[in-house]
Amino acid sequence: GSTCATLRKLRLADNFFRLEALQTLARSISSKRCKLEFLCLSGNVKVRQASQADPMDAFCEALRGNQSLRTLQLARCHLEPEALLCLEEAVRCHPCLEELDLEENNLGVDGLRSCIRMLAEPYSSVQS
């Protein structure tokens, strides 16, 4: 929509989004017209229905289409290593993401490896 073309900051912390809601959000911020620079989804605990994809995994994977975010806050979202693999791939395609907040997630060793690759690779603009 036209709103995303002017909206720069969006705080949606502490909600319980289902898969459909996060897919809709991801489609909106993947629009070429989107100028959103700051997105906070912290505290969005997963609401997964039986036989559906993990909502945050799907959201992280869909971030590949976004070109405007500079700050993404995903603290306390119960992210697991699979989400970090999706996020790592999205960061490779992302030209200006500078800050990524992943506090208080269950990243495990594999998730930590993804974080290290995001920081260390030359394609990454993530600084913290």
Foldseek 3Di string as FASTA:
>chain_A
DVVQLPAAEDEDEQAADAQVVLVVVLVSQLDPSGQHAYYEHENHEYDYDPPDDTNLLNNLLSLLSHAHYQEYEHENHQDEQSSLVSNLVSQLNYQHHAYYHHHPYHHPPNSVVSVVCLCPDPSGNHDD
